[in-house]
């Protein structure tokens, strides 16, 4: 990612990174679960579960990192995973975005999260408290 993309990511998801971890995790769970047709609780299961659930969790971790701007450590911790698992999740999602269906779903999650970040701001652009 280049510097311009990094700046855009932080600007677009700024309100999300300021949320408490529980609120952010629930927002990510709900958004990803709806997009992937899953129950939100399935994403935080301590085991890998099925491949579709594992991939949806990877999208949630990826979104926490790329849209909300969380470090890999924090993004992984939201879902009970470590930094290396979060880094792997980001690589997997990036690699799979070449598939049009995966791209559509990931883009839908990103758009929903960015939309929430923008609607959570006050009239002068500050994050709502």
Protein backbone atom coordinates (compact mmCIF):
# COMPACT_ATOMS: atom_id res chain seq x y z
CA UNK A 1 0.00 0.00 0.00
CA UNK A 2 1.36 3.42 -0.86
CA UNK A 3 1.31 6.50 1.38
CA UNK A 4 -1.76 7.97 -0.31
CA UNK A 5 -3.72 4.74 0.28
CA UNK A 6 -2.61 4.72 3.92
CA UNK A 7 -3.80 8.30 4.40
CA UNK A 8 -7.14 7.53 2.73
CA UNK A 9 -7.61 4.41 4.88
CA UNK A 10 -7.04 6.36 8.08
CA UNK A 11 -9.30 9.20 6.93
CA UNK A 12 -12.10 6.88 5.81
CA UNK A 13 -12.07 4.67 8.88
CA UNK A 14 -10.98 7.18 11.50
CA UNK A 15 -14.21 6.97 13.51
CA UNK A 16 -13.98 3.18 13.67
CA UNK A 17 -10.52 3.10 15.23
CA UNK A 18 -11.79 5.24 18.09
CA UNK A 19 -14.50 2.77 19.08
CA UNK A 20 -13.93 0.55 22.08
CA UNK A 21 -12.79 -2.97 21.18
CA UNK A 22 -16.10 -4.62 22.14
CA UNK A 23 -18.17 -2.18 20.10
CA UNK A 24 -15.83 -2.42 17.12
CA UNK A 25 -15.80 -6.23 17.27
CA UNK A 26 -19.61 -6.35 17.36
CA UNK A 27 -19.83 -3.92 14.44
CA UNK A 28 -17.35 -6.00 12.42
CA UNK A 29 -19.11 -9.25 13.37
CA UNK A 30 -22.53 -7.95 12.36
CA UNK A 31 -21.33 -6.42 9.09
CA UNK A 32 -19.33 -9.47 8.00
CA UNK A 33 -21.96 -11.95 9.19
CA UNK A 34 -24.73 -10.25 7.20
CA UNK A 35 -22.52 -10.06 4.10
CA UNK A 36 -21.53 -13.73 4.35
CA UNK A 37 -24.89 -15.07 5.59
CA UNK A 38 -23.57 -16.24 8.98
CA UNK A 39 -24.51 -15.81 12.62
CA UNK A 40 -22.25 -13.16 14.25
CA UNK A 41 -21.19 -15.47 17.09
CA UNK A 42 -19.62 -17.87 14.61
CA UNK A 43 -16.81 -15.43 13.88
CA UNK A 44 -15.43 -15.42 17.42
CA UNK A 45 -15.46 -19.18 17.96
CA UNK A 46 -12.19 -20.38 19.52
CA UNK A 47 -11.73 -23.00 16.80
CA UNK A 48 -11.29 -22.57 13.05
CA UNK A 49 -14.76 -24.03 12.25
CA UNK A 50 -15.62 -24.48 8.57
CA UNK A 51 -13.70 -22.84 5.73
CA UNK A 52 -16.47 -20.28 4.99
CA UNK A 53 -16.56 -19.21 8.65
CA UNK A 54 -12.77 -19.04 8.84
CA UNK A 55 -12.66 -16.88 5.70
CA UNK A 56 -15.39 -14.57 7.01
CA UNK A 57 -13.35 -14.15 10.20
CA UNK A 58 -10.30 -13.36 8.07
CA UNK A 59 -12.32 -10.66 6.29
CA UNK A 60 -13.32 -9.21 9.67
CA UNK A 61 -9.68 -9.13 10.82
CA UNK A 62 -8.60 -7.67 7.46
CA UNK A 63 -11.27 -4.96 7.75
CA UNK A 64 -10.24 -4.14 11.32
CA UNK A 65 -6.72 -3.59 10.03
CA UNK A 66 -7.36 -1.90 6.68
CA UNK A 67 -10.56 0.08 7.31
CA UNK A 68 -10.43 0.79 11.05
CA UNK A 69 -6.64 1.22 11.00
CA UNK A 70 -5.92 -1.16 13.87
CA UNK A 71 -2.49 -2.73 14.18
CA UNK A 72 -2.25 -6.42 13.32
CA UNK A 73 -1.94 -7.14 17.05
CA UNK A 74 -5.16 -5.30 17.90
CA UNK A 75 -7.05 -6.61 14.86
CA UNK A 76 -6.16 -10.19 15.76
CA UNK A 77 -6.98 -9.74 19.44
CA UNK A 78 -10.51 -8.60 18.57
CA UNK A 79 -11.17 -12.15 17.38
CA UNK A 80 -8.97 -14.05 19.82
CA UNK A 81 -6.10 -14.46 17.37
CA UNK A 82 -2.45 -13.36 17.43
CA UNK A 83 -0.52 -10.98 15.18
CA UNK A 84 0.79 -13.69 12.86
CA UNK A 85 -2.71 -15.07 12.34
CA UNK A 86 -3.96 -11.53 11.59
CA UNK A 87 -1.13 -11.02 9.08
CA UNK A 88 -2.02 -14.34 7.44
CA UNK A 89 -5.69 -13.29 7.30
CA UNK A 90 -4.75 -10.08 5.49
CA UNK A 91 -2.61 -11.97 2.96
CA UNK A 92 -5.38 -14.51 2.31
CA UNK A 93 -8.02 -11.83 1.77
CA UNK A 94 -5.76 -9.81 -0.54
CA UNK A 95 -4.94 -12.94 -2.56
CA UNK A 96 -8.59 -13.97 -2.85
CA UNK A 97 -9.84 -10.53 -3.93
CA UNK A 98 -9.02 -11.53 -7.52
CA UNK A 99 -12.20 -13.65 -7.38
CA UNK A 100 -15.12 -11.36 -8.38
CA UNK A 101 -17.48 -12.79 -5.73
CA UNK A 102 -14.90 -12.34 -2.97
CA UNK A 103 -14.15 -8.82 -4.20
CA UNK A 104 -17.87 -7.98 -4.16
CA UNK A 105 -18.30 -9.19 -0.59
CA UNK A 106 -15.13 -7.58 0.78
CA UNK A 107 -15.99 -4.30 -0.97
CA UNK A 108 -19.51 -4.46 0.54
CA UNK A 109 -18.04 -4.90 4.03
CA UNK A 110 -15.62 -2.02 3.48
CA UNK A 111 -18.36 0.26 2.14
CA UNK A 112 -20.68 -0.53 5.05
CA UNK A 113 -17.95 0.13 7.61
CA UNK A 114 -16.86 3.37 5.93
CA UNK A 115 -20.49 4.46 5.75
CA UNK A 116 -20.86 3.84 9.45
CA UNK A 117 -17.68 5.79 10.16
CA UNK A 118 -19.00 8.78 8.20
CA UNK A 119 -22.45 8.73 9.81
CA UNK A 120 -20.89 8.55 13.27
CA UNK A 121 -19.26 11.97 12.81
CA UNK A 122 -20.57 15.29 13.96
CA UNK A 123 -21.25 18.26 11.66
CA UNK A 124 -17.60 19.33 11.67
CA UNK A 125 -16.25 15.84 10.89
CA UNK A 126 -15.29 14.93 14.45
CA UNK A 127 -16.03 11.40 15.62
CA UNK A 128 -19.20 11.07 17.65
CA UNK A 129 -18.71 10.22 21.30
